[in-house]
N, C-alpha and C. Protein backbone atom coordinates (compact mmCIF):
# COMPACT_ATOMS: atom_id res chain seq x y z
N MET A 1 20.83 -49.09 7.19
CA MET A 1 20.38 -50.02 5.81
C MET A 1 22.10 -51.06 5.66
N LEU A 2 22.79 -51.13 6.02
CA LEU A 2 23.82 -52.33 5.48
C LEU A 2 23.95 -52.84 6.49
N ALA A 3 22.73 -52.84 7.49
CA ALA A 3 22.56 -54.44 8.20
C ALA A 3 21.25 -55.21 7.17
N HIS A 4 20.46 -54.57 6.52
CA HIS A 4 19.45 -55.19 5.71
C HIS A 4 20.29 -55.84 4.77
N LEU A 5 21.31 -55.16 4.02
CA LEU A 5 21.84 -55.82 2.82
C LEU A 5 22.86 -56.87 3.68
N ARG A 6 23.50 -56.67 4.32
CA ARG A 6 24.06 -58.13 5.18
C ARG A 6 23.16 -59.11 4.90
N GLU A 7 21.87 -58.69 5.69
CA GLU A 7 21.26 -59.99 5.86
C GLU A 7 20.36 -60.40 4.32
N LEU A 8 20.40 -59.82 3.21
CA LEU A 8 19.83 -60.57 2.38
C LEU A 8 21.10 -60.84 1.58
N LEU A 9 22.33 -61.01 1.71
CA LEU A 9 23.77 -61.26 1.25
C LEU A 9 23.93 -62.61 2.05
N GLU A 10 23.53 -62.83 3.49
CA GLU A 10 23.47 -63.88 4.28
C GLU A 10 22.69 -65.38 3.56
N GLU A 11 21.46 -64.54 2.92
CA GLU A 11 20.24 -65.30 2.78
C GLU A 11 20.67 -65.71 1.05
N GLY A 12 21.63 -65.96 0.40
CA GLY A 12 21.71 -65.55 -1.00
C GLY A 12 21.36 -64.84 -1.67
N PHE A 13 20.50 -63.61 -1.25
CA PHE A 13 20.46 -62.91 -2.46
C PHE A 13 21.36 -62.43 -3.01
N HIS A 14 21.84 -61.80 -4.89
CA HIS A 14 22.93 -60.94 -5.16
C HIS A 14 22.57 -59.83 -4.93
N VAL A 15 23.32 -58.73 -4.36
CA VAL A 15 22.59 -57.77 -4.09
C VAL A 15 23.93 -56.44 -4.75
N VAL A 16 22.73 -55.43 -4.93
CA VAL A 16 23.23 -54.36 -6.16
C VAL A 16 22.70 -53.15 -5.64
N ILE A 17 24.02 -52.17 -5.40
CA ILE A 17 22.95 -50.67 -5.43
C ILE A 17 23.51 -49.69 -6.77
N VAL A 18 22.26 -49.48 -6.74
CA VAL A 18 21.73 -48.33 -7.99
C VAL A 18 22.55 -47.02 -7.71
N LYS A 19 23.35 -46.83 -7.86
CA LYS A 19 24.03 -45.50 -6.97
C LYS A 19 23.80 -44.18 -7.32
N ASP A 20 22.76 -43.58 -8.70
CA ASP A 20 22.54 -42.59 -9.03
C ASP A 20 21.26 -42.26 -8.20
N VAL A 21 20.57 -43.48 -7.99
CA VAL A 21 19.44 -43.24 -7.31
C VAL A 21 19.68 -43.59 -5.87
N THR A 22 20.54 -42.94 -4.96
CA THR A 22 21.05 -43.63 -3.64
C THR A 22 20.83 -41.75 -3.50
N ALA A 23 21.08 -41.57 -1.75
CA ALA A 23 21.04 -40.14 -1.51
C ALA A 23 21.90 -40.32 -0.07
N ALA A 24 22.31 -39.67 0.54
CA ALA A 24 22.90 -39.56 1.84
C ALA A 24 23.37 -38.08 2.22
N PRO A 25 23.29 -37.50 3.05
CA PRO A 25 23.59 -36.46 3.57
C PRO A 25 25.21 -36.01 3.61
N ARG A 26 25.76 -34.80 2.75
CA ARG A 26 26.52 -33.98 3.02
C ARG A 26 26.69 -32.77 3.98
N ASP A 27 27.60 -33.31 4.62
CA ASP A 27 27.65 -32.04 6.17
C ASP A 27 28.48 -31.37 5.76
N PRO A 28 29.14 -29.85 5.74
CA PRO A 28 30.62 -29.44 5.67
C PRO A 28 31.41 -30.12 6.77
N LYS A 29 31.06 -29.95 8.29
CA LYS A 29 32.01 -30.38 9.03
C LYS A 29 32.02 -32.01 9.35
N LEU A 30 31.05 -32.58 8.65
CA LEU A 30 31.37 -34.46 9.12
C LEU A 30 31.74 -34.61 7.76
N GLY A 31 31.72 -34.30 6.99
CA GLY A 31 31.87 -34.61 5.59
C GLY A 31 30.67 -35.41 4.75
N ASP A 32 31.53 -35.76 3.69
CA ASP A 32 29.88 -35.99 2.82
C ASP A 32 29.81 -37.69 2.92
N GLY A 33 28.45 -38.03 2.93
CA GLY A 33 28.30 -39.28 3.29
C GLY A 33 28.14 -39.81 2.50
N TYR A 34 27.56 -39.03 1.28
CA TYR A 34 27.10 -40.07 -0.29
C TYR A 34 28.34 -40.78 -0.37
N LYS A 35 29.56 -40.32 -0.34
CA LYS A 35 31.27 -41.15 -0.88
C LYS A 35 31.34 -41.94 0.42
N ALA A 36 30.62 -41.44 1.55
CA ALA A 36 31.11 -41.94 2.23
C ALA A 36 30.35 -43.68 2.59
N ALA A 37 28.36 -43.39 2.03
CA ALA A 37 27.78 -44.58 2.04
C ALA A 37 28.43 -45.49 0.77
N LEU A 38 28.83 -44.68 -0.70
CA LEU A 38 29.56 -45.85 -1.84
C LEU A 38 30.36 -46.90 -1.23
N SER A 39 31.50 -46.20 -1.14
CA SER A 39 32.49 -46.78 0.09
C SER A 39 31.89 -47.92 0.80
N ASN A 40 31.36 -47.85 1.39
CA ASN A 40 30.88 -48.43 2.65
C ASN A 40 30.26 -49.91 1.55
N PHE A 41 29.34 -49.38 0.75
CA PHE A 41 28.37 -50.45 -0.10
C PHE A 41 29.77 -51.54 -1.13
N GLY A 42 30.41 -50.64 -1.31
CA GLY A 42 31.14 -51.41 -2.31
C GLY A 42 32.27 -52.76 -1.66
N TYR A 43 31.96 -52.30 -0.57
CA TYR A 43 32.59 -53.47 0.23
C TYR A 43 31.39 -54.66 0.96
N ILE A 44 30.49 -54.32 0.65
CA ILE A 44 29.64 -55.36 1.18
C ILE A 44 28.25 -55.71 0.43
N THR A 45 28.25 -55.07 -1.00
CA THR A 45 26.89 -55.58 -1.69
C THR A 45 27.90 -56.48 -2.64
N ASN A 46 27.12 -57.15 -3.76
CA ASN A 46 28.21 -57.30 -5.00
C ASN A 46 28.34 -56.49 -6.08
N ALA A 47 27.39 -55.32 -5.85
CA ALA A 47 28.48 -54.56 -7.14
C ALA A 47 27.38 -53.12 -7.12
N VAL A 48 28.06 -51.96 -7.14
CA VAL A 48 27.53 -50.69 -7.15
C VAL A 48 27.43 -50.27 -8.67
N LEU A 49 26.22 -49.98 -9.34
CA LEU A 49 26.24 -49.96 -10.57
C LEU A 49 25.26 -48.53 -10.87
N SER A 50 25.53 -47.69 -11.96
CA SER A 50 24.86 -46.59 -12.33
C SER A 50 23.02 -46.93 -13.04
N THR A 51 22.23 -46.58 -12.97
CA THR A 51 21.31 -46.67 -13.73
C THR A 51 21.38 -47.58 -14.82
N ASP A 52 21.96 -46.53 -15.70
CA ASP A 52 22.81 -47.17 -17.16
C ASP A 52 23.07 -48.64 -16.98
N GLU A 53 24.31 -48.85 -16.56
CA GLU A 53 24.46 -50.60 -16.19
C GLU A 53 23.91 -51.07 -15.59
N ALA A 54 22.84 -50.79 -14.96
CA ALA A 54 21.53 -51.70 -13.92
C ALA A 54 21.28 -52.46 -14.99
N ILE A 55 20.63 -51.25 -15.85
CA ILE A 55 19.40 -51.66 -16.76
C ILE A 55 20.25 -52.72 -17.61
N ALA A 56 21.26 -52.32 -18.59
CA ALA A 56 22.27 -52.90 -19.23
C ALA A 56 22.43 -54.44 -18.67
N THR A 57 22.48 -54.82 -17.46
CA THR A 57 22.81 -56.04 -17.22
C THR A 57 21.71 -56.94 -16.73
N MET A 58 20.58 -55.69 -17.20
CA MET A 58 19.32 -56.90 -16.83
C MET A 58 19.04 -56.89 -18.04
N GLY A 59 19.54 -56.25 -19.38
CA GLY A 59 18.77 -56.49 -20.48
C GLY A 59 19.21 -57.30 -21.61
């Protein structure tokens, strides 16, 4: 997924992740993939927003 996000950024798109409609695995041994994904998204996207925040920016 990060490769797709990176490609979109390189093509000039404004990339936003809506965090409360995004999923990732949580494993007792490996940790919380969701938190790791949100951290990574924060570095590679223009914004990480909640659904309410995303709707507010579009309206």
